[in-house]
N, C-alpha and C. Protein backbone atom coordinates (compact mmCIF):
# COMPACT_ATOMS: atom_id res chain seq x y z
N MET A 1 -9.30 -13.98 43.76
CA MET A 1 -9.50 -12.20 43.11
C MET A 1 -8.45 -11.40 42.08
N SER A 2 -6.79 -11.78 42.75
CA SER A 2 -6.09 -11.75 42.14
C SER A 2 -5.94 -11.93 41.46
N ASP A 3 -5.68 -13.23 40.33
CA ASP A 3 -6.11 -13.82 39.19
C ASP A 3 -7.03 -13.16 37.90
N PHE A 4 -7.90 -12.23 38.89
CA PHE A 4 -8.81 -11.29 37.72
C PHE A 4 -7.76 -9.90 37.66
N THR A 5 -7.43 -8.98 38.60
CA THR A 5 -7.03 -7.74 39.03
C THR A 5 -5.81 -8.45 37.74
N ASP A 6 -4.91 -9.70 37.92
CA ASP A 6 -3.30 -9.85 36.69
C ASP A 6 -4.17 -9.60 35.14
N LEU A 7 -5.20 -9.89 35.54
CA LEU A 7 -5.84 -10.42 34.06
C LEU A 7 -6.63 -9.12 33.42
N ILE A 8 -6.71 -8.33 34.30
CA ILE A 8 -6.71 -6.22 33.50
C ILE A 8 -5.73 -5.94 33.61
N ALA A 9 -4.99 -6.29 34.03
CA ALA A 9 -3.39 -5.50 34.47
C ALA A 9 -2.75 -5.98 32.78
N GLN A 10 -3.21 -7.36 32.91
CA GLN A 10 -2.23 -7.68 31.24
C GLN A 10 -3.06 -7.01 30.22
N ALA A 11 -4.36 -7.08 30.69
CA ALA A 11 -5.18 -6.69 29.04
C ALA A 11 -4.56 -4.71 29.17
N LYS A 12 -5.26 -4.53 29.91
CA LYS A 12 -4.75 -2.91 30.29
C LYS A 12 -2.67 -2.70 29.47
N LYS A 13 -2.14 -3.49 29.82
CA LYS A 13 -0.70 -3.61 28.99
C LYS A 13 -0.86 -3.87 27.21
N MET A 14 -1.49 -4.47 27.18
CA MET A 14 -1.82 -5.50 26.15
C MET A 14 -2.34 -3.70 25.33
N GLN A 15 -3.17 -3.06 25.94
CA GLN A 15 -4.09 -2.25 25.30
C GLN A 15 -2.76 -1.42 25.46
N GLU A 16 -2.16 -0.96 25.60
CA GLU A 16 -0.73 0.12 25.71
C GLU A 16 -0.03 -0.29 24.41
N LYS A 17 0.60 -1.27 24.39
CA LYS A 17 1.19 -1.68 23.33
C LYS A 17 0.32 -2.42 21.65
N MET A 18 -1.18 -2.36 22.43
CA MET A 18 -2.01 -1.93 20.56
C MET A 18 -1.75 -0.21 20.46
N LYS A 19 -1.93 0.21 21.69
CA LYS A 19 -2.40 1.90 20.59
C LYS A 19 -0.94 2.26 20.18
N GLU A 20 0.50 1.64 20.43
CA GLU A 20 1.62 1.93 20.04
C GLU A 20 2.47 1.54 19.03
N THR A 21 1.24 0.26 18.80
CA THR A 21 1.57 -0.26 17.29
C THR A 21 0.16 0.27 16.64
N GLN A 22 -0.57 1.09 17.04
CA GLN A 22 -1.40 1.60 15.66
C GLN A 22 -0.64 3.02 15.07
N GLU A 23 0.31 3.35 15.98
CA GLU A 23 1.48 4.91 15.47
C GLU A 23 1.94 4.14 14.87
N SER A 24 2.06 2.86 14.62
CA SER A 24 3.73 2.86 13.90
C SER A 24 3.13 1.80 13.10
N LEU A 25 1.77 1.46 12.74
CA LEU A 25 1.22 1.17 11.50
C LEU A 25 1.47 2.33 10.79
N LYS A 26 0.50 3.37 11.05
CA LYS A 26 0.42 4.47 9.90
C LYS A 26 2.35 5.10 9.69
N LYS A 27 3.27 5.08 9.88
CA LYS A 27 4.13 5.33 9.35
C LYS A 27 5.15 4.55 8.50
N ILE A 28 4.43 2.87 8.42
CA ILE A 28 4.83 2.53 7.44
C ILE A 28 4.55 2.66 5.87
N GLU A 29 5.15 2.49 5.12
CA GLU A 29 4.99 2.05 3.97
C GLU A 29 5.34 0.98 2.50
N VAL A 30 4.30 0.27 2.58
CA VAL A 30 4.57 -0.72 1.33
C VAL A 30 4.64 -0.63 -0.22
N GLU A 31 5.08 -0.52 -1.36
CA GLU A 31 5.69 -1.14 -2.57
C GLU A 31 4.44 -2.39 -3.14
N GLY A 32 3.64 -1.44 -3.93
CA GLY A 32 2.93 -2.57 -4.74
C GLY A 32 3.03 -2.13 -5.87
N ILE A 33 3.60 -3.15 -7.32
CA ILE A 33 4.17 -3.71 -8.32
C ILE A 33 2.96 -4.61 -9.59
N SER A 34 3.54 -3.73 -10.51
CA SER A 34 2.28 -4.53 -11.56
C SER A 34 3.25 -4.55 -12.28
N GLY A 35 2.98 -5.40 -13.81
CA GLY A 35 3.56 -5.18 -15.40
C GLY A 35 4.92 -5.59 -15.11
N GLY A 36 5.25 -6.02 -13.98
CA GLY A 36 7.05 -6.74 -14.23
C GLY A 36 7.59 -5.11 -13.69
N ASN A 37 7.11 -4.84 -12.97
CA ASN A 37 7.77 -2.86 -12.47
C ASN A 37 7.66 -2.09 -13.31
N ALA A 38 5.96 -1.96 -14.45
CA ALA A 38 5.96 -1.39 -15.33
C ALA A 38 5.21 0.14 -14.72
N VAL A 39 4.61 0.02 -13.62
CA VAL A 39 3.33 1.13 -12.49
C VAL A 39 4.38 -0.03 -10.75
N LYS A 40 3.81 0.75 -10.04
CA LYS A 40 4.14 0.93 -8.67
C LYS A 40 3.48 2.19 -8.24
N VAL A 41 2.98 1.19 -6.82
CA VAL A 41 2.24 2.32 -6.23
C VAL A 41 2.86 2.44 -4.41
N ILE A 42 3.08 3.59 -4.18
CA ILE A 42 3.69 3.26 -2.82
C ILE A 42 1.93 4.12 -1.72
N MET A 43 1.61 2.81 -0.78
CA MET A 43 0.55 3.01 0.11
C MET A 43 1.14 3.22 0.98
N ASN A 44 0.60 4.04 2.30
CA ASN A 44 0.85 4.78 3.66
C ASN A 44 -0.08 3.62 4.45
N GLY A 45 0.69 3.44 5.85
CA GLY A 45 -0.69 1.97 7.03
C GLY A 45 -1.77 2.71 7.42
N ASP A 46 -2.49 4.18 6.24
CA ASP A 46 -3.41 4.40 6.82
C ASP A 46 -4.26 3.77 5.52
N GLY A 47 -3.88 3.00 4.73
CA GLY A 47 -4.16 2.81 2.86
C GLY A 47 -4.55 4.04 2.13
N GLU A 48 -3.45 5.26 2.93
CA GLU A 48 -3.68 6.01 1.74
C GLU A 48 -3.04 5.66 0.66
N LEU A 49 -2.62 6.05 -1.05
CA LEU A 49 -2.04 5.96 -1.75
C LEU A 49 -1.24 7.26 -1.82
N LYS A 50 -0.03 6.93 -1.58
CA LYS A 50 0.67 7.85 -1.47
C LYS A 50 1.66 8.61 -2.93
N LYS A 51 2.12 7.79 -3.83
CA LYS A 51 2.38 7.73 -5.08
C LYS A 51 2.54 6.48 -6.14
N ILE A 52 2.16 7.00 -7.59
CA ILE A 52 2.06 6.08 -9.02
C ILE A 52 3.30 6.39 -9.48
N SER A 53 4.23 5.87 -9.68
CA SER A 53 5.28 6.18 -10.83
C SER A 53 4.86 4.71 -11.55
N PHE A 54 5.43 4.54 -12.78
CA PHE A 54 5.47 4.05 -14.44
C PHE A 54 6.31 4.00 -15.15
N GLU A 55 6.34 3.34 -16.04
CA GLU A 55 7.59 3.06 -17.52
C GLU A 55 6.81 3.83 -18.08
N ASP A 56 7.71 4.67 -19.05
CA ASP A 56 7.10 5.27 -20.19
C ASP A 56 6.36 3.99 -20.88
N SER A 57 7.33 2.85 -21.20
CA SER A 57 6.57 1.94 -22.02
C SER A 57 4.45 1.45 -21.71
N ALA A 58 4.40 1.50 -20.04
CA ALA A 58 2.86 1.41 -19.66
C ALA A 58 2.71 2.14 -20.63
N LEU A 59 2.40 3.32 -21.10
CA LEU A 59 1.64 4.90 -21.63
C LEU A 59 2.02 4.54 -23.35
N LYS A 60 2.67 3.24 -22.93
CA LYS A 60 2.14 2.72 -24.83
C LYS A 60 0.69 2.06 -24.62
N GLU A 61 0.65 1.09 -23.58
CA GLU A 61 -0.67 0.13 -23.61
C GLU A 61 -1.37 0.96 -23.96
N PRO A 62 -2.60 0.35 -24.51
CA PRO A 62 -4.07 0.91 -24.52
C PRO A 62 -4.66 1.26 -23.20
N LYS A 63 -5.66 1.96 -22.92
CA LYS A 63 -5.88 2.82 -22.03
C LYS A 63 -6.75 2.01 -20.65
N GLU A 64 -7.37 0.87 -20.68
CA GLU A 64 -7.77 -0.40 -20.58
C GLU A 64 -6.99 -1.38 -19.65
N ILE A 65 -5.66 -1.91 -20.77
CA ILE A 65 -5.18 -2.02 -19.97
C ILE A 65 -3.63 -1.22 -19.12
N PHE A 66 -3.41 -0.12 -18.86
CA PHE A 66 -3.06 0.72 -17.95
C PHE A 66 -3.71 1.03 -17.13
N GLN A 67 -4.41 1.01 -17.42
CA GLN A 67 -5.69 0.99 -15.98
C GLN A 67 -5.36 -0.35 -14.95
N ASP A 68 -5.63 -1.85 -16.17
CA ASP A 68 -5.48 -2.38 -14.93
C ASP A 68 -4.23 -2.69 -14.02
N LEU A 69 -3.27 -2.02 -14.59
CA LEU A 69 -2.08 -2.69 -13.65
C LEU A 69 -2.46 -1.44 -12.72
N ILE A 70 -2.21 0.11 -12.41
CA ILE A 70 -2.74 0.59 -12.31
C ILE A 70 -3.00 -0.61 -10.69
N VAL A 71 -4.99 -1.00 -11.00
CA VAL A 71 -5.25 -1.47 -10.23
C VAL A 71 -5.00 -2.70 -9.03
N ALA A 72 -4.00 -2.90 -10.63
CA ALA A 72 -3.68 -4.58 -9.90
C ALA A 72 -1.94 -3.87 -8.89
N ALA A 73 -2.07 -2.62 -9.04
CA ALA A 73 -0.49 -2.45 -7.88
C ALA A 73 -0.87 -1.93 -7.26
N HIS A 74 -1.88 -1.53 -7.32
CA HIS A 74 -2.58 -0.82 -6.21
C HIS A 74 -3.29 -1.72 -4.70
N ASN A 75 -3.14 -2.75 -5.82
CA ASN A 75 -4.27 -4.10 -4.97
C ASN A 75 -2.99 -5.27 -3.86
N ASP A 76 -1.95 -5.01 -5.12
CA ASP A 76 -1.01 -5.43 -4.84
C ASP A 76 -0.34 -5.03 -3.46
N ALA A 77 -0.98 -3.76 -3.03
CA ALA A 77 0.31 -2.57 -2.04
C ALA A 77 -1.09 -3.07 -1.13
N LYS A 78 -1.74 -2.88 -0.98
CA LYS A 78 -2.68 -3.56 -0.60
C LYS A 78 -3.21 -4.83 0.60
N SER A 79 -2.52 -5.90 -0.23
CA SER A 79 -2.29 -6.91 0.06
C SER A 79 -1.25 -6.71 1.03
N LYS A 80 -0.57 -6.55 0.74
CA LYS A 80 1.64 -6.43 1.02
C LYS A 80 0.92 -5.72 3.11
N LEU A 81 0.06 -4.68 2.24
CA LEU A 81 -0.23 -4.08 3.96
C LEU A 81 -0.95 -4.63 4.83
N LYS A 82 -2.26 -5.83 4.61
CA LYS A 82 -1.91 -6.64 5.44
C LYS A 82 -1.53 -7.25 6.14
N LYS A 83 -0.59 -7.61 5.14
CA LYS A 83 0.11 -8.86 5.79
C LYS A 83 1.06 -7.96 6.87
N LYS A 84 1.74 -7.05 6.22
CA LYS A 84 2.86 -6.01 7.54
C LYS A 84 1.45 -5.58 8.22
N THR A 85 0.12 -5.65 8.83
CA THR A 85 -0.24 -5.29 9.18
C THR A 85 -0.92 -6.39 10.73
N SER A 86 -1.02 -7.48 9.52
CA SER A 86 -0.93 -8.86 10.36
C SER A 86 0.43 -9.34 11.19
N ASP A 87 1.25 -9.25 10.64
CA ASP A 87 2.20 -8.98 11.17
C ASP A 87 2.22 -8.80 13.08
N GLU A 88 2.43 -7.36 12.26
CA GLU A 88 2.86 -6.56 13.53
C GLU A 88 1.50 -6.59 15.09
N ILE A 89 1.04 -6.64 14.51
CA ILE A 89 -0.50 -7.06 15.74
C ILE A 89 -0.17 -8.85 16.01
N SER A 90 0.66 -9.49 15.25
CA SER A 90 0.76 -10.83 15.49
C SER A 90 2.08 -10.06 17.34
N LYS A 91 2.89 -9.58 16.57
CA LYS A 91 3.77 -9.18 17.38
C LYS A 91 3.29 -9.04 19.01
N VAL A 92 2.23 -8.38 18.84
CA VAL A 92 1.50 -7.65 20.37
C VAL A 92 0.44 -9.06 20.44
N THR A 93 -0.11 -9.40 20.07
CA THR A 93 -1.28 -10.47 20.75
C THR A 93 -0.60 -11.60 20.70
N GLY A 94 0.75 -11.32 21.01
CA GLY A 94 0.69 -12.99 20.85
C GLY A 94 1.09 -13.52 20.30
N GLY A 95 0.75 -13.38 18.72
CA GLY A 95 -0.21 -14.66 17.84
C GLY A 95 -1.69 -15.38 17.65
N LEU A 96 -2.43 -14.84 18.85
CA LEU A 96 -3.36 -14.82 18.87
C LEU A 96 -4.46 -15.20 18.18
N GLY A 97 -4.33 -13.48 17.15
CA GLY A 97 -4.31 -13.53 15.60
C GLY A 97 -6.41 -12.64 15.92
N LEU A 98 -6.45 -11.63 15.58
CA LEU A 98 -7.88 -10.62 15.11
C LEU A 98 -9.08 -12.58 14.88
N PRO A 99 -10.46 -11.67 14.44
CA PRO A 99 -11.41 -12.33 14.33
C PRO A 99 -11.84 -11.89 13.47
N PRO A 100 -12.33 -12.81 12.35
CA PRO A 100 -12.59 -12.47 10.69
C PRO A 100 -13.61 -11.24 10.77
N GLY A 101 -13.21 -10.27 10.07
CA GLY A 101 -13.00 -8.99 10.00
C GLY A 101 -13.17 -7.92 11.15
N PHE A 102 -12.90 -8.75 11.99
CA PHE A 102 -12.06 -7.24 12.79
C PHE A 102 -10.92 -6.65 12.13
N LYS A 103 -11.25 -4.95 12.10
CA LYS A 103 -10.92 -4.14 11.29
C LYS A 103 -9.94 -3.07 12.85
N LEU A 104 -8.94 -2.62 12.21
CA LEU A 104 -8.08 -1.73 12.57
C LEU A 104 -7.83 -0.67 12.16
N PRO A 105 -7.99 0.56 12.54
CA PRO A 105 -7.83 0.95 13.92
C PRO A 105 -9.26 0.83 13.76
N PHE A 106 -9.26 0.75 16.06
CA PHE A 106 -10.28 0.55 16.67
C PHE A 106 -11.33 1.59 16.85
């Protein structure tokens, strides 16, 4: 029975670490870039878009291209956020990883 008790204690410890990690993830920021730095976006750990900046040269592009640059920068930031989140969670779970489709926060 002590193995089961140890398992429960480890699960609680991991749950506490996961809560701490979730709070720290909210504070991170990532930068997405497109068009050779023509467009940059900043996204926080909650996936909120915090800032968009662009070079004046991007405004000279046709409207559709400018829109595509914003979308590409956002997707770049989203991809970086996903990787950073995954790396931080791996530290807590010991590299066990999460099942496909499993999303945070819980």
